[in-house]
């Protein structure tokens, strides 16, 4: 009992620290400039530094996997790090936070995470992106309390016939036992799938959560207009969401997200977030046993977001693709350029793979827009001009701008040095940035700010940007004018899939 009270007190302190950050540090500061976010180029400061020293021990280094990005085989989660937040005081504006926007009373937000990650993700997300949300439901694969936040077990209704003698659920049962005895499951965080694959056991277990989670969201908060399904590392730009929802009708069946495909099967990428209307959720919730029927199929499939699309197909509804409004990138991995102009003038509703630092960075942008009474939605163009370009250096050591990403116009060649690599970029009239590691030179026809990446056994990661070409490209882009959200559409599910 003493331990429980102490743990609760710790999370009270964490929440207080996060709120004080807004009052004493971020408010009225220049934090939304990358100068404050990144500090000086080549800094030796800890790349996984968190919001304050008080928070460091409670928020470990986050995952850095990037949606749909092919990284070199040498990359690992331990080697790809987040940019460093400057902790120098930036003024003491102690005025109150802006009031929360209206319109949230009929929006339910469900956040899905793994039990071992909940402690590092939920407090920061609740204090930033979701601070104004009225109906937030938190789910993982273990019922637990993270300070003041109750986490629901999304899998407690799965049939024993699915759970028992199923290696996918080994982690589920181990977590329950360990939590009961120690109230600490951190030792299971890196457990691999017992089937022998390289996947984490938590990732394999995750695929069973999606449909069950939606059923529970309706039971706990029935007859709401909109239901938003997010991951624990997904940032929701709340005002943009509300502006968008004003243009749509919840009585029409809608399943909205960022489309990805496996074979011919299109579905909403779970990490980017998905939006479901009241009409569709009602069909799902009032058809008894929908989640249970699809548990058998989940065992055979790779991904829960794919299985969810099959289940929603039962009600004749396919995904409406709204990418990049719903988006799988972090703010500094959004690609811009002539071959990938999808983001320009588009409003941003979600960012994925965000760290604790990212949530504060994005929340500060939202708060400052409110204080300045900016009209219209936050766009990627505003992010580009106001928060990326002002601090873009000519080059940066220990940095990876992901110029190798072939999906948006990157390619790799062999070069003898960083300078030779730079010359190759300058010789290619379409090249906007380059990176160099070992003898691999990556040159790209797009721009990403990128992420800090420490040297490995093959040497330093170095990145550079052709700023003149970038400025020329940006100068030729159209003014955004009145920014519009995607219109609500309905897409028939092409082929009914059997469980």
Protein backbone atom coordinates (compact mmCIF):
# COMPACT_ATOMS: atom_id res chain seq x y z
CA UNK A 1 0.00 0.00 0.00
CA UNK A 2 2.84 2.35 0.83
CA UNK A 3 4.39 1.54 -2.54
CA UNK A 4 1.09 2.26 -4.29
CA UNK A 5 0.73 5.67 -2.60
CA UNK A 6 4.34 6.53 -3.47
CA UNK A 7 3.83 5.55 -7.09
CA UNK A 8 0.70 7.67 -7.31
CA UNK A 9 2.59 10.60 -5.78
CA UNK A 10 5.33 10.21 -8.38
CA UNK A 11 2.79 10.60 -11.17
CA UNK A 12 1.23 13.60 -9.51
CA UNK A 13 4.69 15.17 -9.58
CA UNK A 14 5.15 14.22 -13.25
CA UNK A 15 1.86 15.86 -14.17
CA UNK A 16 2.79 18.98 -12.21
CA UNK A 17 6.19 19.17 -13.91
CA UNK A 18 4.59 18.99 -17.36
CA UNK A 19 2.09 21.72 -16.53
CA UNK A 20 4.80 23.93 -15.05
CA UNK A 21 6.73 23.54 -18.30
CA UNK A 22 3.98 25.45 -20.06
CA UNK A 23 3.82 28.16 -17.43
CA UNK A 24 7.51 28.74 -16.84
CA UNK A 25 9.40 27.56 -19.88
CA UNK A 26 7.57 27.06 -23.14
CA UNK A 27 4.98 29.82 -22.90
CA UNK A 28 6.12 32.98 -24.67
CA UNK A 29 9.45 31.41 -25.58
CA UNK A 30 11.14 30.80 -28.91
CA UNK A 31 10.81 27.07 -28.41
CA UNK A 32 8.92 26.66 -31.66
CA UNK A 33 12.12 27.58 -33.45
CA UNK A 34 14.44 24.66 -34.05
CA UNK A 35 17.24 26.72 -32.47
CA UNK A 36 15.66 26.07 -29.10
CA UNK A 37 14.60 22.58 -30.01
CA UNK A 38 17.94 21.39 -31.28
CA UNK A 39 20.45 23.61 -29.51
CA UNK A 40 23.73 24.18 -31.38
CA UNK A 41 24.87 21.91 -34.18
CA UNK A 42 27.17 19.17 -33.04
CA UNK A 43 26.12 19.49 -29.40
CA UNK A 44 27.33 16.74 -27.11
CA UNK A 45 24.17 16.90 -25.01
CA UNK A 46 22.14 13.75 -24.46
CA UNK A 47 19.99 13.14 -27.56
CA UNK A 48 17.33 11.41 -25.48
CA UNK A 49 17.10 14.29 -23.00
CA UNK A 50 13.52 14.71 -21.90
CA UNK A 51 11.44 17.70 -21.01
CA UNK A 52 13.08 18.37 -17.65
CA UNK A 53 15.59 16.66 -15.43
CA UNK A 54 12.71 15.61 -13.22
CA UNK A 55 11.11 13.72 -16.09
CA UNK A 56 14.22 11.91 -17.35
CA UNK A 57 13.94 8.97 -14.96
CA UNK A 58 10.29 8.38 -15.83
CA UNK A 59 10.36 8.76 -19.62
CA UNK A 60 12.91 6.41 -21.22
CA UNK A 61 14.18 6.75 -24.78
CA UNK A 62 11.22 6.18 -27.12
CA UNK A 63 10.88 4.05 -30.21
CA UNK A 64 12.07 5.75 -33.36
CA UNK A 65 10.75 3.49 -36.09
CA UNK A 66 9.43 5.63 -38.93
CA UNK A 67 6.28 4.70 -40.83
CA UNK A 68 6.99 3.32 -44.30
CA UNK A 69 10.68 4.31 -44.22
CA UNK A 70 13.41 1.91 -45.32
CA UNK A 71 16.46 2.50 -43.15
CA UNK A 72 19.87 0.90 -43.72
CA UNK A 73 20.31 -2.53 -42.19
CA UNK A 74 22.80 -1.09 -39.72
CA UNK A 75 20.12 1.06 -38.10
CA UNK A 76 18.67 0.11 -34.76
CA UNK A 77 16.38 1.75 -32.23
CA UNK A 78 19.37 2.37 -30.00
CA UNK A 79 21.28 4.19 -32.70
CA UNK A 80 18.55 6.48 -34.03
CA UNK A 81 17.88 9.13 -31.43
CA UNK A 82 15.62 12.10 -30.99
CA UNK A 83 16.78 15.71 -31.24
CA UNK A 84 17.74 17.38 -27.98
CA UNK A 85 15.60 19.94 -26.23
CA UNK A 86 17.36 23.03 -24.97
CA UNK A 87 16.60 23.51 -21.28
CA UNK A 88 17.78 27.09 -20.97
CA UNK A 89 15.13 29.38 -19.46
CA UNK A 90 13.20 31.31 -22.08
CA UNK A 91 11.19 33.71 -19.98
CA UNK A 92 8.69 33.42 -17.18
CA UNK A 93 5.29 34.10 -18.67
CA UNK A 94 2.96 32.74 -16.00
CA UNK A 95 -0.36 33.56 -17.68
CA UNK A 96 -2.90 30.77 -17.84
CA UNK A 97 -3.19 28.29 -20.66
CA UNK A 98 -5.65 29.21 -23.41
CA UNK A 99 -9.19 27.89 -22.90
CA UNK A 100 -10.07 24.58 -24.46
CA UNK A 101 -11.94 24.80 -27.77
CA UNK A 102 -15.65 23.91 -27.87
CA UNK A 103 -16.99 20.86 -29.68
CA UNK A 104 -15.30 18.04 -27.78
CA UNK A 105 -18.36 16.83 -25.90
CA UNK A 106 -19.28 14.28 -28.59
CA UNK A 107 -15.79 13.05 -29.50
CA UNK A 108 -14.34 9.90 -27.94
CA UNK A 109 -10.60 9.34 -28.18
CA UNK A 110 -9.24 5.85 -27.62
CA UNK A 111 -5.49 5.48 -27.08
CA UNK A 112 -3.89 2.08 -27.58
CA UNK A 113 -0.46 1.19 -26.25
CA UNK A 114 1.51 -1.75 -24.90
CA UNK A 115 1.56 -2.27 -21.14
CA UNK A 116 5.34 -1.87 -20.94
CA UNK A 117 5.16 1.43 -22.86
CA UNK A 118 2.20 3.00 -21.06
CA UNK A 119 4.31 4.49 -18.29
CA UNK A 120 6.52 6.40 -20.74
CA UNK A 121 3.81 7.53 -23.17
CA UNK A 122 0.52 8.24 -21.43
CA UNK A 123 1.41 11.05 -18.95
CA UNK A 124 3.10 13.22 -21.61
CA UNK A 125 0.30 12.66 -24.14
CA UNK A 126 -2.42 13.47 -21.62
CA UNK A 127 -0.65 16.68 -20.54
CA UNK A 128 -0.20 17.95 -24.11
CA UNK A 129 -2.17 16.68 -27.10
CA UNK A 130 -5.14 15.40 -25.09
CA UNK A 131 -5.24 17.96 -22.27
CA UNK A 132 -8.57 19.35 -23.54
CA UNK A 133 -10.22 16.07 -24.53
CA UNK A 134 -13.37 15.30 -22.55
CA UNK A 135 -13.66 11.59 -23.30
CA UNK A 136 -10.33 9.74 -23.36
CA UNK A 137 -10.22 5.96 -22.95
CA UNK A 138 -6.83 4.29 -22.50
CA UNK A 139 -6.17 0.69 -23.52
CA UNK A 140 -3.29 -1.77 -23.42
CA UNK A 141 -2.83 -5.49 -22.81
CA UNK A 142 -2.95 -5.16 -19.02
CA UNK A 143 -5.34 -3.43 -16.65
CA UNK A 144 -3.33 -1.01 -14.56
CA UNK A 145 -3.21 2.52 -13.21
CA UNK A 146 -0.54 4.95 -14.38
CA UNK A 147 -0.81 7.61 -11.73
CA UNK A 148 -4.26 9.17 -12.15
CA UNK A 149 -4.89 7.39 -15.47
CA UNK A 150 -6.70 4.06 -15.62
CA UNK A 151 -5.62 1.73 -18.42
CA UNK A 152 -8.20 -0.80 -19.60
CA UNK A 153 -7.30 -4.32 -20.66
CA UNK A 154 -8.42 -4.45 -24.28
CA UNK A 155 -8.02 -8.24 -24.42
CA UNK A 156 -9.94 -9.42 -21.36
CA UNK A 157 -12.93 -10.42 -23.51
CA UNK A 158 -10.90 -12.57 -25.90
CA UNK A 159 -12.10 -16.16 -25.71
CA UNK A 160 -9.93 -18.68 -23.81
CA UNK A 161 -10.04 -20.80 -26.96
CA UNK A 162 -7.99 -18.06 -28.65
CA UNK A 163 -5.74 -17.18 -25.69
CA UNK A 164 -4.87 -20.62 -24.36
CA UNK A 165 -2.09 -22.56 -26.07
CA UNK A 166 -1.49 -19.59 -28.34
CA UNK A 167 2.14 -18.33 -28.22
CA UNK A 168 0.88 -14.87 -29.23
CA UNK A 169 -0.59 -14.57 -25.71
CA UNK A 170 2.46 -15.75 -23.75
CA UNK A 171 3.37 -12.12 -23.03
CA UNK A 172 -0.19 -11.37 -21.95
CA UNK A 173 -0.16 -14.02 -19.23
CA UNK A 174 3.39 -13.23 -18.12
CA UNK A 175 2.49 -9.57 -17.72
CA UNK A 176 -0.50 -10.44 -15.55
CA UNK A 177 1.60 -12.65 -13.27
CA UNK A 178 4.43 -10.14 -12.95
CA UNK A 179 2.11 -7.20 -12.35
CA UNK A 180 0.29 -9.12 -9.63
CA UNK A 181 3.53 -9.94 -7.80
CA UNK A 182 5.74 -6.89 -8.48
CA UNK A 183 3.61 -4.11 -10.01
CA UNK A 184 6.46 -3.77 -12.51
CA UNK A 185 6.67 -5.42 -15.93
CA UNK A 186 9.65 -3.52 -17.35
CA UNK A 187 11.74 -6.69 -17.63
CA UNK A 188 9.34 -7.95 -20.32
CA UNK A 189 9.68 -4.89 -22.58
CA UNK A 190 12.12 -6.49 -25.01
CA UNK A 191 10.59 -9.97 -25.09
CA UNK A 192 10.58 -11.49 -28.57
CA UNK A 193 7.78 -13.38 -30.25
CA UNK A 194 8.15 -17.03 -29.12
CA UNK A 195 7.34 -18.23 -32.63
CA UNK A 196 10.94 -17.44 -33.50
CA UNK A 197 10.42 -14.30 -35.55
CA UNK A 198 12.38 -11.12 -34.89
CA UNK A 199 9.25 -9.24 -33.87
CA UNK A 200 8.65 -8.08 -30.34
CA UNK A 201 6.05 -10.13 -28.51
CA UNK A 202 4.15 -6.93 -27.69
CA UNK A 203 3.85 -6.11 -31.40
CA UNK A 204 2.43 -9.56 -32.15
CA UNK A 205 -0.09 -9.27 -29.31
CA UNK A 206 -1.17 -5.83 -30.50
CA UNK A 207 -3.04 -7.18 -33.52
CA UNK A 208 -5.79 -8.62 -31.32
CA UNK A 209 -6.63 -5.25 -29.73
CA UNK A 210 -8.12 -3.18 -32.53
CA UNK A 211 -11.67 -4.50 -32.88
CA UNK A 212 -12.07 -5.27 -29.18
CA UNK A 213 -10.95 -1.74 -28.34
CA UNK A 214 -13.62 -0.19 -30.57
CA UNK A 215 -16.33 -2.37 -29.07
CA UNK A 216 -15.27 -1.24 -25.60
CA UNK A 217 -15.18 2.41 -26.64
CA UNK A 218 -18.82 2.23 -27.66
CA UNK A 219 -19.88 0.40 -24.49
CA UNK A 220 -18.09 2.95 -22.29
CA UNK A 221 -19.14 6.00 -24.31
CA UNK A 222 -22.13 5.07 -26.49
CA UNK A 223 -23.86 7.20 -29.11
CA UNK A 224 -21.14 9.81 -29.49
CA UNK A 225 -20.66 11.45 -32.87
CA UNK A 226 -17.04 10.50 -33.57
CA UNK A 227 -14.58 7.89 -32.33
CA UNK A 228 -10.84 8.43 -32.81
CA UNK A 229 -8.44 5.49 -32.49
CA UNK A 230 -4.82 6.44 -31.78
CA UNK A 231 -1.57 4.81 -30.71
CA UNK A 232 0.23 5.97 -27.59
CA UNK A 233 2.86 7.69 -29.75
CA UNK A 234 0.37 9.54 -31.97
CA UNK A 235 -0.12 13.28 -31.51
CA UNK A 236 -3.59 14.61 -32.29
CA UNK A 237 -3.79 18.27 -33.35
CA UNK A 238 -7.03 18.93 -31.52
CA UNK A 239 -8.16 22.22 -33.05
CA UNK A 240 -7.55 20.88 -36.55
CA UNK A 241 -9.62 17.79 -35.74
CA UNK A 242 -12.51 19.92 -34.50
CA UNK A 243 -12.42 22.21 -37.53
CA UNK A 244 -12.57 19.13 -39.74
CA UNK A 245 -15.39 17.44 -37.84
CA UNK A 246 -17.53 20.56 -38.29
CA UNK A 247 -17.59 19.78 -42.02
CA UNK A 248 -18.71 16.15 -41.66
CA UNK A 249 -21.88 14.24 -40.77
CA UNK A 250 -21.56 11.52 -38.10
CA UNK A 251 -24.78 9.85 -39.28
CA UNK A 252 -22.98 8.75 -42.45
CA UNK A 253 -20.79 5.66 -42.25
CA UNK A 254 -17.14 6.72 -42.40
CA UNK A 255 -13.83 4.95 -41.81
CA UNK A 256 -11.14 7.56 -42.38
CA UNK A 257 -7.36 7.29 -42.19
CA UNK A 258 -4.01 7.08 -43.95
CA UNK A 259 -4.23 4.22 -46.42
CA UNK A 260 -1.66 1.47 -46.65
CA UNK A 261 -1.95 -1.78 -48.55
CA UNK A 262 -0.97 -5.38 -48.09
CA UNK A 263 -1.58 -7.04 -51.42
CA UNK A 264 -4.92 -5.73 -52.62
CA UNK A 265 -6.19 -5.05 -49.10
CA UNK A 266 -6.36 -1.34 -48.22
CA UNK A 267 -6.67 -0.26 -44.59
CA UNK A 268 -6.04 2.69 -42.29
CA UNK A 269 -2.54 2.62 -40.83
CA UNK A 270 -3.12 2.22 -37.10
CA UNK A 271 -0.22 4.34 -35.91
CA UNK A 272 -1.35 7.33 -37.95
CA UNK A 273 -4.79 7.13 -36.37
CA UNK A 274 -8.28 6.36 -37.63
CA UNK A 275 -11.58 8.21 -37.43
CA UNK A 276 -14.90 6.36 -37.29
CA UNK A 277 -18.36 7.90 -37.42
CA UNK A 278 -21.23 7.19 -35.07
CA UNK A 279 -23.13 5.39 -37.83
CA UNK A 280 -20.33 2.91 -38.49
CA UNK A 281 -19.52 2.39 -34.82
CA UNK A 282 -23.18 1.68 -34.12
CA UNK A 283 -23.19 -1.08 -36.74
CA UNK A 284 -20.03 -2.56 -35.24
CA UNK A 285 -21.25 -2.37 -31.64
CA UNK A 286 -24.76 -3.68 -32.24
CA UNK A 287 -23.62 -6.74 -34.16
CA UNK A 288 -22.94 -9.19 -31.35
CA UNK A 289 -19.59 -10.91 -31.34
CA UNK A 290 -17.88 -8.95 -34.11
CA UNK A 291 -14.52 -8.84 -32.32
CA UNK A 292 -14.75 -12.49 -31.27
CA UNK A 293 -15.45 -13.57 -34.86
CA UNK A 294 -12.32 -11.82 -36.07
CA UNK A 295 -9.97 -13.13 -33.36
CA UNK A 296 -9.48 -16.34 -35.34
CA UNK A 297 -8.48 -14.35 -38.42
CA UNK A 298 -6.20 -12.11 -36.34
CA UNK A 299 -4.15 -15.15 -35.41
CA UNK A 300 -3.38 -15.67 -39.11
CA UNK A 301 -2.71 -12.06 -40.09
CA UNK A 302 0.22 -9.74 -39.49
CA UNK A 303 -1.57 -6.65 -38.33
CA UNK A 304 -4.57 -5.58 -36.31
CA UNK A 305 -5.30 -2.54 -38.46
CA UNK A 306 -5.66 -4.90 -41.43
CA UNK A 307 -8.04 -7.14 -39.46
CA UNK A 308 -10.08 -4.09 -38.44
CA UNK A 309 -10.56 -3.19 -42.10
CA UNK A 310 -11.88 -6.71 -42.73
CA UNK A 311 -14.31 -6.36 -39.83
CA UNK A 312 -15.58 -2.98 -41.03
CA UNK A 313 -15.96 -4.49 -44.47
CA UNK A 314 -18.75 -6.61 -42.97
CA UNK A 315 -20.75 -3.39 -42.85
CA UNK A 316 -19.87 -2.42 -46.41
CA UNK A 317 -17.41 0.30 -45.49
CA UNK A 318 -13.90 0.70 -46.88
CA UNK A 319 -11.26 3.23 -45.93
CA UNK A 320 -11.44 6.83 -47.11
CA UNK A 321 -7.79 7.77 -47.62
CA UNK A 322 -7.03 11.28 -46.36
CA UNK A 323 -3.23 11.10 -46.15
CA UNK A 324 -1.34 13.21 -45.29
CA UNK A 325 -3.98 15.00 -43.19
CA UNK A 326 -3.82 11.88 -41.06
CA UNK A 327 -0.10 11.26 -41.14
CA UNK A 328 2.53 8.68 -40.21
CA UNK A 329 5.52 11.02 -39.84
CA UNK A 330 7.05 12.98 -37.00
CA UNK A 331 7.24 16.76 -37.56
CA UNK A 332 10.90 16.66 -38.62
CA UNK A 333 10.60 13.62 -40.88
CA UNK A 334 7.85 15.10 -43.07
CA UNK A 335 9.28 15.18 -46.62
CA UNK A 336 8.98 18.29 -48.78
CA UNK A 337 10.07 18.72 -52.38
CA UNK A 338 9.08 18.66 -56.04
CA UNK A 339 8.59 14.88 -56.16
CA UNK A 340 6.62 14.75 -52.92
CA UNK A 341 4.44 17.83 -52.73
CA UNK A 342 1.49 16.07 -51.10
CA UNK A 343 2.01 17.89 -47.80
CA UNK A 344 2.07 21.46 -49.10
CA UNK A 345 -0.93 23.49 -47.90
CA UNK A 346 -2.46 20.43 -46.24
CA UNK A 347 -3.72 20.64 -42.65
CA UNK A 348 -2.08 18.29 -40.16
CA UNK A 349 -4.35 16.30 -37.85
CA UNK A 350 -1.94 13.62 -36.58
CA UNK A 351 1.79 12.94 -36.24
CA UNK A 352 3.13 9.47 -35.46
CA UNK A 353 6.14 8.07 -33.55
CA UNK A 354 6.26 11.20 -31.42
CA UNK A 355 8.51 11.31 -28.37
CA UNK A 356 7.76 13.08 -25.09
CA UNK A 357 9.76 16.04 -26.44
CA UNK A 358 7.77 16.01 -29.66
CA UNK A 359 4.47 16.25 -27.78
CA UNK A 360 5.63 19.37 -25.93
CA UNK A 361 7.01 20.91 -29.13
CA UNK A 362 3.71 20.40 -30.97
CA UNK A 363 1.58 21.46 -28.00
CA UNK A 364 3.55 24.68 -27.76
CA UNK A 365 2.85 25.41 -31.42
CA UNK A 366 -0.87 24.87 -30.80
CA UNK A 367 -0.88 27.05 -27.69
CA UNK A 368 0.96 29.90 -29.40
CA UNK A 369 -1.44 29.80 -32.34
CA UNK A 370 -4.32 30.13 -29.89
CA UNK A 371 -2.67 33.01 -28.07
CA UNK A 372 -1.98 34.77 -31.37
CA UNK A 373 -5.56 34.04 -32.46
CA UNK A 374 -4.39 32.55 -35.74
CA UNK A 375 -7.29 31.68 -37.99
CA UNK A 376 -7.49 28.50 -39.99
CA UNK A 377 -5.82 25.16 -39.37
CA UNK A 378 -2.17 24.42 -38.71
CA UNK A 379 -0.66 23.28 -42.02
CA UNK A 380 2.53 21.51 -43.02
CA UNK A 381 3.44 24.68 -44.90
CA UNK A 382 3.34 26.67 -41.66
CA UNK A 383 5.47 23.99 -40.01
CA UNK A 384 7.93 24.23 -42.92
CA UNK A 385 8.31 28.02 -42.90
CA UNK A 386 8.02 28.79 -39.20
CA UNK A 387 9.63 25.82 -37.50
CA UNK A 388 11.91 23.98 -39.96
CA UNK A 389 13.56 26.34 -42.40
CA UNK A 390 14.64 29.15 -40.01
CA UNK A 391 17.20 26.91 -38.34
CA UNK A 392 18.29 24.66 -41.20
CA UNK A 393 22.12 24.55 -41.23
CA UNK A 394 24.28 23.90 -44.34
CA UNK A 395 25.41 20.62 -42.80
CA UNK A 396 25.29 18.78 -39.50
CA UNK A 397 27.43 16.07 -37.90
CA UNK A 398 25.91 13.09 -36.08
CA UNK A 399 22.74 13.67 -38.06
CA UNK A 400 20.59 11.62 -40.43
CA UNK A 401 18.28 13.50 -42.79
CA UNK A 402 17.19 10.18 -44.33
CA UNK A 403 18.26 11.13 -47.84
CA UNK A 404 18.35 7.40 -48.62
CA UNK A 405 14.54 7.10 -48.53
CA UNK A 406 13.80 5.77 -52.00
CA UNK A 407 10.03 6.18 -51.59
CA UNK A 408 10.27 9.96 -51.89
CA UNK A 409 13.18 10.34 -54.31
CA UNK A 410 16.37 9.23 -52.58
CA UNK A 411 19.19 7.15 -54.05
CA UNK A 412 22.55 5.83 -52.90
CA UNK A 413 25.99 5.85 -54.53
CA UNK A 414 29.52 5.18 -53.31
CA UNK A 415 31.71 8.18 -52.46
CA UNK A 416 35.11 8.62 -50.84
CA UNK A 417 34.18 11.40 -48.43
CA UNK A 418 31.45 13.70 -47.21
CA UNK A 419 32.80 16.49 -49.43
CA UNK A 420 32.69 14.26 -52.51
CA UNK A 421 29.12 13.34 -51.60
CA UNK A 422 28.26 17.03 -51.36
CA UNK A 423 29.77 17.61 -54.80
CA UNK A 424 27.60 14.82 -56.23
CA UNK A 425 24.54 16.55 -54.83
CA UNK A 426 25.58 19.93 -56.22
CA UNK A 427 26.22 18.33 -59.63
CA UNK A 428 22.66 16.96 -59.71
CA UNK A 429 20.36 19.92 -60.35
CA UNK A 430 17.46 18.17 -58.62
CA UNK A 431 19.33 17.33 -55.41
CA UNK A 432 18.14 19.16 -52.29
CA UNK A 433 20.00 17.27 -49.57
CA UNK A 434 22.59 14.56 -49.01
CA UNK A 435 23.92 12.35 -46.25
CA UNK A 436 27.11 10.36 -45.81
CA UNK A 437 27.97 7.30 -43.73
CA UNK A 438 30.98 5.02 -44.23
CA UNK A 439 31.34 5.19 -48.03
CA UNK A 440 27.63 5.44 -48.77
CA UNK A 441 26.46 8.74 -50.20
CA UNK A 442 22.71 9.32 -50.27
CA UNK A 443 21.34 12.15 -52.36
CA UNK A 444 17.71 13.18 -52.45
CA UNK A 445 15.22 15.24 -54.41
CA UNK A 446 13.33 16.06 -51.21
CA UNK A 447 14.01 17.78 -47.91
CA UNK A 448 13.68 16.31 -44.43
CA UNK A 449 15.13 17.91 -41.34
CA UNK A 450 15.92 14.52 -39.89
CA UNK A 451 17.03 13.12 -36.54
CA UNK A 452 20.18 12.89 -34.48
CA UNK A 453 22.17 9.71 -35.03
CA UNK A 454 25.33 8.82 -33.16
CA UNK A 455 28.42 7.40 -34.85
CA UNK A 456 28.66 3.62 -35.05
CA UNK A 457 31.46 1.18 -35.85
CA UNK A 458 31.34 2.31 -39.49
CA UNK A 459 31.78 5.98 -38.67
CA UNK A 460 29.90 9.24 -38.30
CA UNK A 461 26.58 10.10 -39.88
CA UNK A 462 26.72 13.50 -41.58
CA UNK A 463 23.98 15.36 -43.43
CA UNK A 464 23.84 18.45 -45.63
CA UNK A 465 21.24 20.61 -47.34
CA UNK A 466 21.37 22.68 -50.53
CA UNK A 467 19.67 25.70 -49.00
CA UNK A 468 19.69 27.88 -52.13
CA UNK A 469 17.84 25.25 -54.16
CA UNK A 470 15.46 24.66 -51.30
CA UNK A 471 14.70 28.38 -51.06
CA UNK A 472 14.17 28.53 -54.82
CA UNK A 473 11.78 25.57 -54.71
CA UNK A 474 9.84 27.05 -51.80
CA UNK A 475 9.55 30.44 -53.52
CA UNK A 476 7.80 28.78 -56.46
CA UNK A 477 5.14 27.09 -54.33
CA UNK A 478 1.63 28.55 -54.37
CA UNK A 479 0.15 30.50 -51.50
CA UNK A 480 -2.19 28.29 -49.57
CA UNK A 481 -5.14 30.67 -49.47
CA UNK A 482 -8.15 29.12 -47.75
CA UNK A 483 -7.10 25.72 -46.47
CA UNK A 484 -9.70 22.98 -46.88
CA UNK A 485 -10.05 19.62 -45.22
CA UNK A 486 -10.91 16.50 -47.23
CA UNK A 487 -14.62 16.18 -47.87
CA UNK A 488 -16.36 13.30 -46.18
CA UNK A 489 -16.76 10.42 -48.59
CA UNK A 490 -18.04 6.88 -48.52
CA UNK A 491 -16.15 3.98 -50.01
CA UNK A 492 -17.75 0.60 -50.52
CA UNK A 493 -15.69 -2.31 -49.30
CA UNK A 494 -14.77 -4.08 -52.55
CA UNK A 495 -14.78 -7.73 -51.46
CA UNK A 496 -16.22 -9.19 -48.29
CA UNK A 497 -13.56 -11.12 -46.35
CA UNK A 498 -14.59 -14.09 -44.23
CA UNK A 499 -13.24 -14.39 -40.67
